[in-house]
Amino acid sequence: MNVTLDPADKPAIYAAVDQPTDVRCQLGDGADPRVRLTRPAVSQTVTLNGTTWELLFEAGVPKAGAYPLACEGDGVRFGVGKQLAGEAGSLAGGAIALLALPTVGFLAALIVTIVVLARRRRVV
């Protein structure tokens, strides 16, 4: 089957299966080495309408377009979607900023207070 993939979407291949099984997938026709499937660095699962989908492969494509995809595995349903780790990373970055900004503000206020007190002592 052909699937439409866009590298900006960070495409990924997911599988829904109840038990461990061997899975094989091939993206593209093998002519372009930039079209590839790689194992993800992190484990991701998504539950949608009662079905749990596990991230199997990250799909690397050079440009948006239709690509042939062939996957096989006993009792496995496959789906194409987006990687979610990047979104979790931006959420973590936002949480760090939420904690870091008040800390920076407190340190700036402390430094200003110390400088003002030191100058007042010098004037007297």
C-alpha atoms as a PDB file:
ATOM      1  CA  MET A   1       0.000   0.000   0.000  1.00  0.00           C
ATOM      2  CA  ASN A   2       1.107   3.617  -0.486  1.00  0.00           C
ATOM      3  CA  VAL A   3       1.152   6.028   2.445  1.00  0.00           C
ATOM      4  CA  THR A   4       1.500   9.792   2.352  1.00  0.00           C
ATOM      5  CA  LEU A   5       4.363  10.939   4.573  1.00  0.00           C
ATOM      6  CA  ASP A   6       5.792  14.365   5.346  1.00  0.00           C
ATOM      7  CA  PRO A   7       9.135  14.674   7.185  1.00  0.00           C
ATOM      8  CA  ALA A   8       7.798  17.757   9.016  1.00  0.00           C
ATOM      9  CA  ASP A   9       5.220  15.505  10.724  1.00  0.00           C
ATOM     10  CA  LYS A  10       7.912  13.118  12.038  1.00  0.00           C
ATOM     11  CA  PRO A  11       6.068  10.067  10.653  1.00  0.00           C
ATOM     12  CA  ALA A  12       6.056   6.769  12.524  1.00  0.00           C
ATOM     13  CA  ILE A  13       4.726   3.233  12.175  1.00  0.00           C
ATOM     14  CA  TYR A  14       2.626   1.898  15.060  1.00  0.00           C
ATOM     15  CA  ALA A  15       1.329  -1.605  15.784  1.00  0.00           C
ATOM     16  CA  ALA A  16      -1.575  -2.889  17.824  1.00  0.00           C
ATOM     17  CA  VAL A  17      -1.037  -6.437  19.062  1.00  0.00           C
ATOM     18  CA  ASP A  18      -1.991  -8.436  22.149  1.00  0.00           C
ATOM     19  CA  GLN A  19       1.136 -10.602  22.373  1.00  0.00           C
ATOM     20  CA  PRO A  20       4.797 -10.455  21.348  1.00  0.00           C
ATOM     21  CA  THR A  21       5.272 -11.333  17.697  1.00  0.00           C
ATOM     22  CA  ASP A  22       7.775 -10.903  14.880  1.00  0.00           C
ATOM     23  CA  VAL A  23       7.086  -7.845  12.769  1.00  0.00           C
ATOM     24  CA  ARG A  24       8.706  -6.807   9.512  1.00  0.00           C
ATOM     25  CA  CYS A  25       8.200  -3.570   7.622  1.00  0.00           C
ATOM     26  CA  GLN A  26       9.746  -2.066   4.526  1.00  0.00           C
ATOM     27  CA  LEU A  27       9.345   1.544   3.455  1.00  0.00           C
ATOM     28  CA  GLY A  28      10.087   2.559  -0.124  1.00  0.00           C
ATOM     29  CA  ASP A  29      11.437   0.438  -2.931  1.00  0.00           C
ATOM     30  CA  GLY A  30      15.059   0.423  -1.757  1.00  0.00           C
ATOM     31  CA  ALA A  31      16.260   2.826  -4.479  1.00  0.00           C
ATOM     32  CA  ASP A  32      16.647   5.874  -2.182  1.00  0.00           C
ATOM     33  CA  PRO A  33      18.750   5.321   0.976  1.00  0.00           C
ATOM     34  CA  ARG A  34      17.155   8.410   2.576  1.00  0.00           C
ATOM     35  CA  VAL A  35      13.856   6.507   2.748  1.00  0.00           C
ATOM     36  CA  ARG A  36      14.282   4.311   5.813  1.00  0.00           C
ATOM     37  CA  LEU A  37      12.740   2.882   8.946  1.00  0.00           C
ATOM     38  CA  THR A  38      14.664   3.095  12.213  1.00  0.00           C
ATOM     39  CA  ARG A  39      13.975   1.792  15.700  1.00  0.00           C
ATOM     40  CA  PRO A  40      12.923   4.557  18.093  1.00  0.00           C
ATOM     41  CA  ALA A  41      15.203   5.625  20.929  1.00  0.00           C
ATOM     42  CA  VAL A  42      12.280   5.652  23.369  1.00  0.00           C
ATOM     43  CA  SER A  43       9.281   3.398  23.878  1.00  0.00           C
ATOM     44  CA  GLN A  44       5.925   5.017  23.162  1.00  0.00           C
ATOM     45  CA  THR A  45       2.410   3.712  23.465  1.00  0.00           C
ATOM     46  CA  VAL A  46      -0.834   5.478  22.660  1.00  0.00           C
ATOM     47  CA  THR A  47      -4.323   4.314  23.571  1.00  0.00           C
ATOM     48  CA  LEU A  48      -7.024   5.386  21.148  1.00  0.00           C
ATOM     49  CA  ASN A  49     -10.631   4.173  21.405  1.00  0.00           C
ATOM     50  CA  GLY A  50      -9.569   1.296  23.645  1.00  0.00           C
ATOM     51  CA  THR A  51      -6.773   0.115  21.325  1.00  0.00           C
ATOM     52  CA  THR A  52      -3.166   0.400  22.499  1.00  0.00           C
ATOM     53  CA  TRP A  53      -0.710   1.270  19.740  1.00  0.00           C
ATOM     54  CA  GLU A  54       3.043   0.822  20.219  1.00  0.00           C
ATOM     55  CA  LEU A  55       5.631   2.789  18.256  1.00  0.00           C
ATOM     56  CA  LEU A  56       7.609   0.343  16.103  1.00  0.00           C
ATOM     57  CA  PHE A  57       9.581   2.473  13.656  1.00  0.00           C
ATOM     58  CA  GLU A  58      10.415   6.069  12.906  1.00  0.00           C
ATOM     59  CA  ALA A  59       9.992   6.747   9.197  1.00  0.00           C
ATOM     60  CA  GLY A  60      12.661   8.846   7.518  1.00  0.00           C
ATOM     61  CA  VAL A  61      11.702  10.419   4.189  1.00  0.00           C
ATOM     62  CA  PRO A  62      13.474  13.230   2.302  1.00  0.00           C
ATOM     63  CA  LYS A  63      10.321  15.067   1.205  1.00  0.00           C
ATOM     64  CA  ALA A  64       6.548  14.915   1.419  1.00  0.00           C
ATOM     65  CA  GLY A  65       4.957  12.379  -0.885  1.00  0.00           C
ATOM     66  CA  ALA A  66       3.494   8.919  -1.318  1.00  0.00           C
ATOM     67  CA  TYR A  67       5.742   5.995  -0.381  1.00  0.00           C
ATOM     68  CA  PRO A  68       5.154   2.241  -0.619  1.00  0.00           C
ATOM     69  CA  LEU A  69       4.895   0.576   2.799  1.00  0.00           C
ATOM     70  CA  ALA A  70       4.724  -3.159   3.416  1.00  0.00           C
ATOM     71  CA  CYS A  71       4.349  -4.582   6.935  1.00  0.00           C
ATOM     72  CA  GLU A  72       3.646  -8.102   8.089  1.00  0.00           C
ATOM     73  CA  GLY A  73       3.143  -9.848  11.398  1.00  0.00           C
ATOM     74  CA  ASP A  74       0.726 -12.471  12.694  1.00  0.00           C
ATOM     75  CA  GLY A  75      -2.345 -10.860  14.250  1.00  0.00           C
ATOM     76  CA  VAL A  76      -0.880  -7.340  14.068  1.00  0.00           C
ATOM     77  CA  ARG A  77      -2.720  -4.209  12.970  1.00  0.00           C
ATOM     78  CA  PHE A  78      -0.446  -1.472  11.642  1.00  0.00           C
ATOM     79  CA  GLY A  79      -0.989   2.250  11.537  1.00  0.00           C
ATOM     80  CA  VAL A  80       0.875   5.325  10.377  1.00  0.00           C
ATOM     81  CA  GLY A  81       0.991   8.383  12.611  1.00  0.00           C
ATOM     82  CA  LYS A  82       3.241  11.001  14.151  1.00  0.00           C
ATOM     83  CA  GLN A  83       5.936  10.566  16.762  1.00  0.00           C
ATOM     84  CA  LEU A  84       4.877  11.921  20.120  1.00  0.00           C
ATOM     85  CA  ALA A  85       8.262  12.135  21.894  1.00  0.00           C
ATOM     86  CA  GLY A  86       8.988  15.557  20.452  1.00  0.00           C
ATOM     87  CA  GLU A  87       5.793  16.865  21.984  1.00  0.00           C
ATOM     88  CA  ALA A  88       6.692  15.395  25.354  1.00  0.00           C
ATOM     89  CA  GLY A  89      10.102  17.013  25.033  1.00  0.00           C
ATOM     90  CA  SER A  90       8.564  20.424  24.433  1.00  0.00           C
ATOM     91  CA  LEU A  91       6.294  19.860  27.426  1.00  0.00           C
ATOM     92  CA  ALA A  92       9.327  19.043  29.570  1.00  0.00           C
ATOM     93  CA  GLY A  93      11.099  22.143  28.249  1.00  0.00           C
ATOM     94  CA  GLY A  94       8.091  24.251  29.218  1.00  0.00           C
ATOM     95  CA  ALA A  95       8.090  22.770  32.716  1.00  0.00           C
ATOM     96  CA  ILE A  96      11.791  23.544  33.117  1.00  0.00           C
ATOM     97  CA  ALA A  97      11.210  27.121  31.950  1.00  0.00           C
ATOM     98  CA  LEU A  98       8.346  27.434  34.417  1.00  0.00           C
ATOM     99  CA  LEU A  99      10.752  26.569  37.242  1.00  0.00           C
ATOM    100  CA  ALA A 100      13.829  28.361  35.894  1.00  0.00           C
ATOM    101  CA  LEU A 101      12.292  31.785  35.258  1.00  0.00           C
ATOM    102  CA  PRO A 102      11.218  32.445  38.856  1.00  0.00           C
ATOM    103  CA  THR A 103      14.613  31.215  40.073  1.00  0.00           C
ATOM    104  CA  VAL A 104      16.426  33.629  37.738  1.00  0.00           C
ATOM    105  CA  GLY A 105      14.115  36.442  38.875  1.00  0.00           C
ATOM    106  CA  PHE A 106      14.818  35.676  42.535  1.00  0.00           C
ATOM    107  CA  LEU A 107      18.583  35.618  41.966  1.00  0.00           C
ATOM    108  CA  ALA A 108      18.452  38.948  40.085  1.00  0.00           C
ATOM    109  CA  ALA A 109      16.467  40.539  42.925  1.00  0.00           C
ATOM    110  CA  LEU A 110      18.939  39.174  45.486  1.00  0.00           C
ATOM    111  CA  ILE A 111      21.926  40.585  43.570  1.00  0.00           C
ATOM    112  CA  VAL A 112      20.269  44.013  43.219  1.00  0.00           C
ATOM    113  CA  THR A 113      19.496  44.043  46.946  1.00  0.00           C
ATOM    114  CA  ILE A 114      23.096  43.202  47.863  1.00  0.00           C
ATOM    115  CA  VAL A 115      24.455  45.905  45.543  1.00  0.00           C
ATOM    116  CA  VAL A 116      22.067  48.553  46.939  1.00  0.00           C
ATOM    117  CA  LEU A 117      22.926  47.657  50.538  1.00  0.00           C
ATOM    118  CA  ALA A 118      26.681  47.734  49.804  1.00  0.00           C
ATOM    119  CA  ARG A 119      26.415  51.181  48.190  1.00  0.00           C
ATOM    120  CA  ARG A 120      24.353  52.558  51.098  1.00  0.00           C
ATOM    121  CA  ARG A 121      27.004  51.400  53.567  1.00  0.00           C
ATOM    122  CA  ARG A 122      29.711  53.079  51.536  1.00  0.00           C
ATOM    123  CA  VAL A 123      27.822  56.386  51.465  1.00  0.00           C
ATOM    124  CA  VAL A 124      27.467  56.546  55.262  1.00  0.00           C
END
